[in-house]
Structure formats: structure tokens, C-alpha cells
All heavy atoms as atom14 arrays in JSON, in Angstrom:
{
  "sequence": "GLEDVQTFRAGGVWTLGRKPWPAEMDDWSHPLHGPGGNPVS",
  "atom14_mask": [
    [1, 1, 1, 1, 0, 0, 0, 0, 0, 0, 0, 0, 0, 0],
    [1, 1, 1, 1, 1, 1, 1, 1, 0, 0, 0, 0, 0, 0],
    [1, 1, 1, 1, 1, 1, 1, 1, 1, 0, 0, 0, 0, 0],
    [1, 1, 1, 1, 1, 1, 1, 1, 0, 0, 0, 0, 0, 0],
    [1, 1, 1, 1, 1, 1, 1, 0, 0, 0, 0, 0, 0, 0],
    [1, 1, 1, 1, 1, 1, 1, 1, 1, 0, 0, 0, 0, 0],
    [1, 1, 1, 1, 1, 1, 1, 0, 0, 0, 0, 0, 0, 0],
    [1, 1, 1, 1, 1, 1, 1, 1, 1, 1, 1, 0, 0, 0],
    [1, 1, 1, 1, 1, 1, 1, 1, 1, 1, 1, 0, 0, 0],
    [1, 1, 1, 1, 1, 0, 0, 0, 0, 0, 0, 0, 0, 0],
    [1, 1, 1, 1, 0, 0, 0, 0, 0, 0, 0, 0, 0, 0],
    [1, 1, 1, 1, 0, 0, 0, 0, 0, 0, 0, 0, 0, 0],
    [1, 1, 1, 1, 1, 1, 1, 0, 0, 0, 0, 0, 0, 0],
    [1, 1, 1, 1, 1, 1, 1, 1, 1, 1, 1, 1, 1, 1],
    [1, 1, 1, 1, 1, 1, 1, 0, 0, 0, 0, 0, 0, 0],
    [1, 1, 1, 1, 1, 1, 1, 1, 0, 0, 0, 0, 0, 0],
    [1, 1, 1, 1, 0, 0, 0, 0, 0, 0, 0, 0, 0, 0],
    [1, 1, 1, 1, 1, 1, 1, 1, 1, 1, 1, 0, 0, 0],
    [1, 1, 1, 1, 1, 1, 1, 1, 1, 0, 0, 0, 0, 0],
    [1, 1, 1, 1, 1, 1, 1, 0, 0, 0, 0, 0, 0, 0],
    [1, 1, 1, 1, 1, 1, 1, 1, 1, 1, 1, 1, 1, 1],
    [1, 1, 1, 1, 1, 1, 1, 0, 0, 0, 0, 0, 0, 0],
    [1, 1, 1, 1, 1, 0, 0, 0, 0, 0, 0, 0, 0, 0],
    [1, 1, 1, 1, 1, 1, 1, 1, 1, 0, 0, 0, 0, 0],
    [1, 1, 1, 1, 1, 1, 1, 1, 0, 0, 0, 0, 0, 0],
    [1, 1, 1, 1, 1, 1, 1, 1, 0, 0, 0, 0, 0, 0],
    [1, 1, 1, 1, 1, 1, 1, 1, 0, 0, 0, 0, 0, 0],
    [1, 1, 1, 1, 1, 1, 1, 1, 1, 1, 1, 1, 1, 1],
    [1, 1, 1, 1, 1, 1, 0, 0, 0, 0, 0, 0, 0, 0],
    [1, 1, 1, 1, 1, 1, 1, 1, 1, 1, 0, 0, 0, 0],
    [1, 1, 1, 1, 1, 1, 1, 0, 0, 0, 0, 0, 0, 0],
    [1, 1, 1, 1, 1, 1, 1, 1, 0, 0, 0, 0, 0, 0],
    [1, 1, 1, 1, 1, 1, 1, 1, 1, 1, 0, 0, 0, 0],
    [1, 1, 1, 1, 0, 0, 0, 0, 0, 0, 0, 0, 0, 0],
    [1, 1, 1, 1, 1, 1, 1, 0, 0, 0, 0, 0, 0, 0],
    [1, 1, 1, 1, 0, 0, 0, 0, 0, 0, 0, 0, 0, 0],
    [1, 1, 1, 1, 0, 0, 0, 0, 0, 0, 0, 0, 0, 0],
    [1, 1, 1, 1, 1, 1, 1, 1, 0, 0, 0, 0, 0, 0],
    [1, 1, 1, 1, 1, 1, 1, 0, 0, 0, 0, 0, 0, 0],
    [1, 1, 1, 1, 1, 1, 1, 0, 0, 0, 0, 0, 0, 0],
    [1, 1, 1, 1, 1, 1, 0, 0, 0, 0, 0, 0, 0, 0]
  ],
  "atom14_positions": [
    [[0.81, -1.26, 0.03], [-0.05, 0.05, -0.03], [0.8, 1.29, 0.0], [0.29, 2.41, 0.08], [0.0, 0.0, 0.0], [0.0, 0.0, 0.0], [0.0, 0.0, 0.0], [0.0, 0.0, 0.0], [0.0, 0.0, 0.0], [0.0, 0.0, 0.0], [0.0, 0.0, 0.0], [0.0, 0.0, 0.0], [0.0, 0.0, 0.0], [0.0, 0.0, 0.0]],
    [[2.12, 1.2, -0.14], [2.99, 2.39, -0.15], [2.97, 3.01, -1.55], [2.72, 2.31, -2.5], [4.42, 2.0, 0.22], [4.63, 1.38, 1.62], [6.04, 1.01, 1.85], [4.23, 2.5, 2.7], [0.0, 0.0, 0.0], [0.0, 0.0, 0.0], [0.0, 0.0, 0.0], [0.0, 0.0, 0.0], [0.0, 0.0, 0.0], [0.0, 0.0, 0.0]],
    [[3.23, 4.33, -1.63], [3.24, 5.04, -2.81], [4.59, 5.74, -3.07], [5.42, 5.65, -2.14], [2.05, 6.03, -2.8], [2.17, 7.05, -1.76], [0.98, 8.06, -1.69], [-0.06, 7.66, -2.33], [1.08, 9.08, -1.13], [0.0, 0.0, 0.0], [0.0, 0.0, 0.0], [0.0, 0.0, 0.0], [0.0, 0.0, 0.0], [0.0, 0.0, 0.0]],
    [[4.74, 6.35, -4.17], [5.95, 7.01, -4.62], [7.2, 6.04, -4.45], [8.22, 6.43, -4.01], [6.19, 8.23, -3.69], [5.0, 9.27, -3.94], [4.51, 9.33, -5.02], [4.87, 9.99, -2.94], [0.0, 0.0, 0.0], [0.0, 0.0, 0.0], [0.0, 0.0, 0.0], [0.0, 0.0, 0.0], [0.0, 0.0, 0.0], [0.0, 0.0, 0.0]],
    [[6.95, 4.82, -4.78], [8.0, 3.79, -4.58], [9.13, 4.04, -5.59], [8.85, 4.21, -6.83], [7.45, 2.34, -4.69], [8.5, 1.28, -4.58], [6.27, 2.19, -3.63], [0.0, 0.0, 0.0], [0.0, 0.0, 0.0], [0.0, 0.0, 0.0], [0.0, 0.0, 0.0], [0.0, 0.0, 0.0], [0.0, 0.0, 0.0], [0.0, 0.0, 0.0]],
    [[10.35, 3.9, -5.16], [11.46, 4.05, -6.04], [12.7, 3.24, -5.53], [12.81, 3.06, -4.32], [11.83, 5.49, -6.19], [12.22, 6.24, -4.86], [12.41, 7.66, -4.96], [13.41, 8.08, -5.55], [11.47, 8.53, -4.56], [0.0, 0.0, 0.0], [0.0, 0.0, 0.0], [0.0, 0.0, 0.0], [0.0, 0.0, 0.0], [0.0, 0.0, 0.0]],
    [[13.56, 2.95, -6.43], [14.86, 2.3, -6.08], [16.03, 3.07, -6.46], [16.0, 3.75, -7.57], [14.94, 0.92, -6.84], [13.76, 0.13, -6.42], [16.18, 0.16, -6.49], [0.0, 0.0, 0.0], [0.0, 0.0, 0.0], [0.0, 0.0, 0.0], [0.0, 0.0, 0.0], [0.0, 0.0, 0.0], [0.0, 0.0, 0.0], [0.0, 0.0, 0.0]],
    [[17.02, 3.16, -5.67], [18.24, 3.98, -5.96], [19.4, 3.3, -5.24], [19.33, 2.37, -4.47], [18.09, 5.39, -5.37], [17.94, 5.48, -3.91], [19.04, 5.68, -3.09], [16.69, 5.41, -3.33], [18.86, 5.68, -1.72], [16.56, 5.45, -1.9], [17.67, 5.7, -1.19], [0.0, 0.0, 0.0], [0.0, 0.0, 0.0], [0.0, 0.0, 0.0]],
    [[20.6, 3.68, -5.72], [21.87, 3.06, -5.26], [22.6, 4.09, -4.47], [22.77, 5.31, -4.86], [22.76, 2.61, -6.4], [22.22, 1.44, -7.1], [23.17, 0.86, -8.22], [22.72, -0.32, -8.79], [22.98, -1.52, -8.21], [23.69, -1.62, -7.11], [22.5, -2.6, -8.83], [0.0, 0.0, 0.0], [0.0, 0.0, 0.0], [0.0, 0.0, 0.0]],
    [[23.0, 3.8, -3.21], [23.86, 4.6, -2.31], [24.55, 3.68, -1.46], [24.11, 3.42, -0.25], [23.03, 5.54, -1.56], [0.0, 0.0, 0.0], [0.0, 0.0, 0.0], [0.0, 0.0, 0.0], [0.0, 0.0, 0.0], [0.0, 0.0, 0.0], [0.0, 0.0, 0.0], [0.0, 0.0, 0.0], [0.0, 0.0, 0.0], [0.0, 0.0, 0.0]],
    [[25.71, 3.16, -1.82], [26.41, 2.15, -1.04], [25.63, 0.8, -1.05], [25.76, 0.04, -0.1], [0.0, 0.0, 0.0], [0.0, 0.0, 0.0], [0.0, 0.0, 0.0], [0.0, 0.0, 0.0], [0.0, 0.0, 0.0], [0.0, 0.0, 0.0], [0.0, 0.0, 0.0], [0.0, 0.0, 0.0], [0.0, 0.0, 0.0], [0.0, 0.0, 0.0]],
    [[24.88, 0.54, -2.04], [24.02, -0.61, -2.12], [22.69, -0.25, -2.76], [22.47, 0.95, -3.16], [0.0, 0.0, 0.0], [0.0, 0.0, 0.0], [0.0, 0.0, 0.0], [0.0, 0.0, 0.0], [0.0, 0.0, 0.0], [0.0, 0.0, 0.0], [0.0, 0.0, 0.0], [0.0, 0.0, 0.0], [0.0, 0.0, 0.0], [0.0, 0.0, 0.0]],
    [[21.84, -1.2, -2.93], [20.51, -0.97, -3.47], [19.49, -0.66, -2.37], [19.39, -1.46, -1.39], [20.03, -2.2, -4.29], [18.64, -1.94, -4.9], [21.07, -2.48, -5.45], [0.0, 0.0, 0.0], [0.0, 0.0, 0.0], [0.0, 0.0, 0.0], [0.0, 0.0, 0.0], [0.0, 0.0, 0.0], [0.0, 0.0, 0.0], [0.0, 0.0, 0.0]],
    [[18.79, 0.38, -2.53], [17.77, 0.8, -1.5], [16.36, 0.94, -2.23], [16.3, 1.39, -3.4], [18.09, 2.16, -0.92], [19.33, 2.16, -0.07], [20.65, 2.25, -0.51], [19.4, 2.02, 1.37], [21.52, 2.17, 0.55], [20.88, 2.06, 1.75], [18.43, 1.81, 2.36], [21.2, 1.95, 3.08], [18.87, 1.77, 3.66], [20.33, 1.86, 4.05]],
    [[15.29, 0.62, -1.54], [14.01, 0.76, -2.01], [13.18, 1.67, -1.01], [13.29, 1.39, 0.19], [13.21, -0.5, -2.07], [14.07, -1.48, -2.92], [11.95, -0.35, -2.85], [0.0, 0.0, 0.0], [0.0, 0.0, 0.0], [0.0, 0.0, 0.0], [0.0, 0.0, 0.0], [0.0, 0.0, 0.0], [0.0, 0.0, 0.0], [0.0, 0.0, 0.0]],
    [[12.59, 2.67, -1.51], [11.91, 3.64, -0.76], [10.41, 3.7, -1.07], [10.06, 3.59, -2.21], [12.54, 5.02, -0.95], [11.93, 6.19, -0.21], [13.1, 7.23, 0.13], [10.87, 6.96, -0.95], [0.0, 0.0, 0.0], [0.0, 0.0, 0.0], [0.0, 0.0, 0.0], [0.0, 0.0, 0.0], [0.0, 0.0, 0.0], [0.0, 0.0, 0.0]],
    [[9.59, 3.86, -0.04], [8.11, 3.95, -0.28], [7.56, 4.82, 0.81], [8.03, 4.97, 1.95], [0.0, 0.0, 0.0], [0.0, 0.0, 0.0], [0.0, 0.0, 0.0], [0.0, 0.0, 0.0], [0.0, 0.0, 0.0], [0.0, 0.0, 0.0], [0.0, 0.0, 0.0], [0.0, 0.0, 0.0], [0.0, 0.0, 0.0], [0.0, 0.0, 0.0]],
    [[6.37, 5.56, 0.42], [5.79, 6.5, 1.38], [4.4, 5.99, 1.69], [3.63, 5.46, 0.89], [5.74, 7.82, 0.64], [5.17, 8.98, 1.59], [4.64, 10.12, 0.82], [5.74, 10.64, -0.12], [6.73, 11.45, 0.19], [6.83, 11.99, 1.42], [7.51, 11.85, -0.57], [0.0, 0.0, 0.0], [0.0, 0.0, 0.0], [0.0, 0.0, 0.0]],
    [[4.04, 6.16, 2.98], [2.64, 5.74, 3.49], [1.72, 6.81, 2.98], [1.9, 8.03, 3.27], [2.69, 5.67, 4.97], [1.3, 5.27, 5.52], [1.42, 5.03, 7.02], [0.11, 4.51, 7.61], [0.27, 4.22, 9.04], [0.0, 0.0, 0.0], [0.0, 0.0, 0.0], [0.0, 0.0, 0.0], [0.0, 0.0, 0.0], [0.0, 0.0, 0.0]],
    [[0.59, 6.46, 2.32], [-0.35, 7.47, 1.79], [-1.0, 8.3, 2.85], [-1.1, 7.84, 4.08], [-1.42, 6.57, 1.12], [-0.71, 5.23, 0.86], [0.21, 5.13, 2.04], [0.0, 0.0, 0.0], [0.0, 0.0, 0.0], [0.0, 0.0, 0.0], [0.0, 0.0, 0.0], [0.0, 0.0, 0.0], [0.0, 0.0, 0.0], [0.0, 0.0, 0.0]],
    [[-1.41, 9.47, 2.64], [-2.09, 10.39, 3.51], [-3.67, 10.0, 3.38], [-4.18, 10.05, 2.14], [-1.94, 11.78, 3.1], [-2.48, 12.76, 4.1], [-3.73, 13.2, 4.16], [-1.76, 13.38, 5.21], [-3.9, 14.11, 5.22], [-2.7, 14.18, 5.79], [-0.44, 13.32, 5.68], [-2.4, 14.91, 7.02], [-0.09, 14.02, 6.74], [-1.06, 14.89, 7.42]],
    [[-4.32, 9.62, 4.43], [-5.65, 9.16, 4.28], [-6.56, 10.3, 3.81], [-6.44, 11.45, 4.13], [-6.03, 8.87, 5.78], [-4.74, 8.56, 6.49], [-3.78, 9.5, 5.77], [0.0, 0.0, 0.0], [0.0, 0.0, 0.0], [0.0, 0.0, 0.0], [0.0, 0.0, 0.0], [0.0, 0.0, 0.0], [0.0, 0.0, 0.0], [0.0, 0.0, 0.0]],
    [[-7.55, 9.96, 2.94], [-8.37, 10.94, 2.32], [-9.25, 11.63, 3.42], [-9.74, 12.78, 3.23], [-9.27, 10.34, 1.27], [0.0, 0.0, 0.0], [0.0, 0.0, 0.0], [0.0, 0.0, 0.0], [0.0, 0.0, 0.0], [0.0, 0.0, 0.0], [0.0, 0.0, 0.0], [0.0, 0.0, 0.0], [0.0, 0.0, 0.0], [0.0, 0.0, 0.0]],
    [[-9.54, 10.81, 4.55], [-10.33, 11.33, 5.59], [-9.64, 12.24, 6.59], [-10.28, 12.81, 7.43], [-11.01, 10.16, 6.34], [-11.81, 9.19, 5.56], [-10.89, 8.13, 4.92], [-9.67, 8.22, 5.14], [-11.41, 7.32, 4.23], [0.0, 0.0, 0.0], [0.0, 0.0, 0.0], [0.0, 0.0, 0.0], [0.0, 0.0, 0.0], [0.0, 0.0, 0.0]],
    [[-8.36, 12.35, 6.38], [-7.57, 13.12, 7.33], [-7.26, 14.54, 6.76], [-6.68, 14.64, 5.71], [-6.27, 12.37, 7.69], [-5.39, 13.15, 8.8], [-3.87, 12.19, 9.15], [-4.56, 10.81, 10.1], [0.0, 0.0, 0.0], [0.0, 0.0, 0.0], [0.0, 0.0, 0.0], [0.0, 0.0, 0.0], [0.0, 0.0, 0.0], [0.0, 0.0, 0.0]],
    [[-7.67, 15.54, 7.42], [-7.43, 16.94, 7.02], [-6.04, 17.45, 7.44], [-5.34, 16.82, 8.34], [-8.51, 17.8, 7.63], [-8.61, 19.18, 6.99], [-8.03, 19.29, 5.79], [-9.15, 20.11, 7.5], [0.0, 0.0, 0.0], [0.0, 0.0, 0.0], [0.0, 0.0, 0.0], [0.0, 0.0, 0.0], [0.0, 0.0, 0.0], [0.0, 0.0, 0.0]],
    [[-5.6, 18.51, 6.92], [-4.35, 19.18, 7.26], [-4.65, 20.62, 7.7], [-5.64, 21.23, 7.23], [-3.43, 19.29, 5.96], [-2.06, 19.72, 6.34], [-1.64, 19.59, 7.48], [-1.32, 20.09, 5.37], [0.0, 0.0, 0.0], [0.0, 0.0, 0.0], [0.0, 0.0, 0.0], [0.0, 0.0, 0.0], [0.0, 0.0, 0.0], [0.0, 0.0, 0.0]],
    [[-3.91, 20.95, 8.79], [-4.04, 22.35, 9.34], [-2.82, 23.18, 9.04], [-1.89, 23.12, 9.84], [-4.28, 22.22, 10.79], [-4.95, 23.38, 11.52], [-4.16, 24.57, 11.79], [-6.2, 23.62, 11.97], [-5.06, 25.47, 12.41], [-6.36, 24.9, 12.56], [-7.37, 22.79, 12.01], [-7.46, 25.37, 13.12], [-8.46, 23.28, 12.55], [-8.57, 24.54, 13.18]],
    [[-2.81, 23.83, 7.91], [-1.57, 24.37, 7.47], [-1.42, 25.87, 7.88], [-0.31, 26.48, 7.73], [-1.53, 24.4, 5.86], [-2.68, 25.05, 5.33], [0.0, 0.0, 0.0], [0.0, 0.0, 0.0], [0.0, 0.0, 0.0], [0.0, 0.0, 0.0], [0.0, 0.0, 0.0], [0.0, 0.0, 0.0], [0.0, 0.0, 0.0], [0.0, 0.0, 0.0]],
    [[-2.46, 26.49, 8.42], [-2.43, 27.91, 8.75], [-2.9, 28.05, 10.24], [-3.51, 27.13, 10.8], [-3.27, 28.73, 7.87], [-2.77, 28.9, 6.52], [-2.61, 27.76, 5.66], [-2.31, 30.02, 5.81], [-2.15, 28.15, 4.44], [-1.93, 29.5, 4.46], [0.0, 0.0, 0.0], [0.0, 0.0, 0.0], [0.0, 0.0, 0.0], [0.0, 0.0, 0.0]],
    [[-2.66, 29.23, 10.88], [-3.21, 29.45, 12.22], [-4.62, 29.16, 12.3], [-5.11, 28.7, 13.41], [-2.79, 30.8, 12.54], [-1.55, 31.15, 11.67], [-1.8, 30.37, 10.4], [0.0, 0.0, 0.0], [0.0, 0.0, 0.0], [0.0, 0.0, 0.0], [0.0, 0.0, 0.0], [0.0, 0.0, 0.0], [0.0, 0.0, 0.0], [0.0, 0.0, 0.0]],
    [[-5.41, 29.63, 11.32], [-6.86, 29.34, 11.4], [-7.22, 28.41, 10.29], [-7.95, 28.61, 9.33], [-7.64, 30.63, 11.23], [-7.49, 31.69, 12.38], [-8.21, 32.96, 12.12], [-8.01, 31.11, 13.67], [0.0, 0.0, 0.0], [0.0, 0.0, 0.0], [0.0, 0.0, 0.0], [0.0, 0.0, 0.0], [0.0, 0.0, 0.0], [0.0, 0.0, 0.0]],
    [[-6.69, 27.21, 10.43], [-6.93, 26.04, 9.49], [-6.3, 26.18, 8.1], [-5.34, 25.54, 7.65], [-8.39, 25.69, 9.36], [-8.62, 24.49, 8.48], [-9.39, 24.73, 7.27], [-8.38, 23.24, 8.57], [-9.45, 23.54, 6.65], [-8.88, 22.57, 7.46], [0.0, 0.0, 0.0], [0.0, 0.0, 0.0], [0.0, 0.0, 0.0], [0.0, 0.0, 0.0]],
    [[-6.93, 27.11, 7.3], [-6.38, 27.23, 5.92], [-6.34, 28.73, 5.5], [-6.61, 29.6, 6.35], [0.0, 0.0, 0.0], [0.0, 0.0, 0.0], [0.0, 0.0, 0.0], [0.0, 0.0, 0.0], [0.0, 0.0, 0.0], [0.0, 0.0, 0.0], [0.0, 0.0, 0.0], [0.0, 0.0, 0.0], [0.0, 0.0, 0.0], [0.0, 0.0, 0.0]],
    [[-6.05, 28.97, 4.3], [-5.92, 30.34, 3.83], [-7.22, 31.12, 3.88], [-7.28, 32.42, 3.91], [-5.46, 30.27, 2.37], [-5.78, 28.8, 1.97], [-5.75, 27.99, 3.17], [0.0, 0.0, 0.0], [0.0, 0.0, 0.0], [0.0, 0.0, 0.0], [0.0, 0.0, 0.0], [0.0, 0.0, 0.0], [0.0, 0.0, 0.0], [0.0, 0.0, 0.0]],
    [[-8.34, 30.51, 4.0], [-9.65, 31.1, 4.04], [-9.94, 31.64, 5.43], [-10.91, 32.49, 5.65], [0.0, 0.0, 0.0], [0.0, 0.0, 0.0], [0.0, 0.0, 0.0], [0.0, 0.0, 0.0], [0.0, 0.0, 0.0], [0.0, 0.0, 0.0], [0.0, 0.0, 0.0], [0.0, 0.0, 0.0], [0.0, 0.0, 0.0], [0.0, 0.0, 0.0]],
    [[-9.16, 31.26, 6.47], [-9.33, 31.76, 7.83], [-10.58, 31.18, 8.63], [-11.01, 31.8, 9.57], [0.0, 0.0, 0.0], [0.0, 0.0, 0.0], [0.0, 0.0, 0.0], [0.0, 0.0, 0.0], [0.0, 0.0, 0.0], [0.0, 0.0, 0.0], [0.0, 0.0, 0.0], [0.0, 0.0, 0.0], [0.0, 0.0, 0.0], [0.0, 0.0, 0.0]],
    [[-11.05, 30.11, 8.09], [-12.18, 29.44, 8.78], [-11.65, 28.31, 9.73], [-11.09, 27.37, 9.29], [-13.16, 28.86, 7.8], [-14.39, 28.23, 8.5], [-14.53, 28.3, 9.67], [-15.22, 27.59, 7.71], [0.0, 0.0, 0.0], [0.0, 0.0, 0.0], [0.0, 0.0, 0.0], [0.0, 0.0, 0.0], [0.0, 0.0, 0.0], [0.0, 0.0, 0.0]],
    [[-11.74, 28.58, 11.07], [-11.06, 27.65, 12.01], [-11.79, 26.35, 12.25], [-12.06, 25.93, 13.38], [-10.92, 28.48, 13.3], [-12.09, 29.36, 13.26], [-12.28, 29.67, 11.75], [0.0, 0.0, 0.0], [0.0, 0.0, 0.0], [0.0, 0.0, 0.0], [0.0, 0.0, 0.0], [0.0, 0.0, 0.0], [0.0, 0.0, 0.0], [0.0, 0.0, 0.0]],
    [[-12.27, 25.65, 11.18], [-13.08, 24.41, 11.3], [-12.36, 23.37, 10.41], [-12.13, 23.61, 9.21], [-14.46, 24.68, 10.83], [-15.32, 23.35, 10.92], [-15.16, 25.68, 11.71], [0.0, 0.0, 0.0], [0.0, 0.0, 0.0], [0.0, 0.0, 0.0], [0.0, 0.0, 0.0], [0.0, 0.0, 0.0], [0.0, 0.0, 0.0], [0.0, 0.0, 0.0]],
    [[-12.03, 22.32, 11.08], [-11.42, 21.2, 10.32], [-12.36, 20.31, 9.59], [-13.49, 20.09, 10.11], [-10.53, 20.34, 11.26], [-9.95, 19.26, 10.62], [0.0, 0.0, 0.0], [0.0, 0.0, 0.0], [0.0, 0.0, 0.0], [0.0, 0.0, 0.0], [0.0, 0.0, 0.0], [0.0, 0.0, 0.0], [0.0, 0.0, 0.0], [0.0, 0.0, 0.0]]
  ]
}
């Protein structure tokens, strides 16, 4: 279930993957939630 999967070499072979951000989980990027200034998540 990981995304952005890639393989690279750095003193050996490495594989990297990222855990997805759930669609149901919001982000709070500003002091009042978002650029709109509405403090409701």
C-alpha cells in the first residue's frame, strides 16, 4: 500500500516507499486552519 516507490543506489541498493495520506484526514496548514481563515477542520 505504499506510494511514490522508487529504487536507488547509495552504497548498495535501496527501495523507498511512502505511506499514503488518508483521504479522511485533514491538514491544518495555517493558524486558522487554511488560507480562508475558517477555524473548522
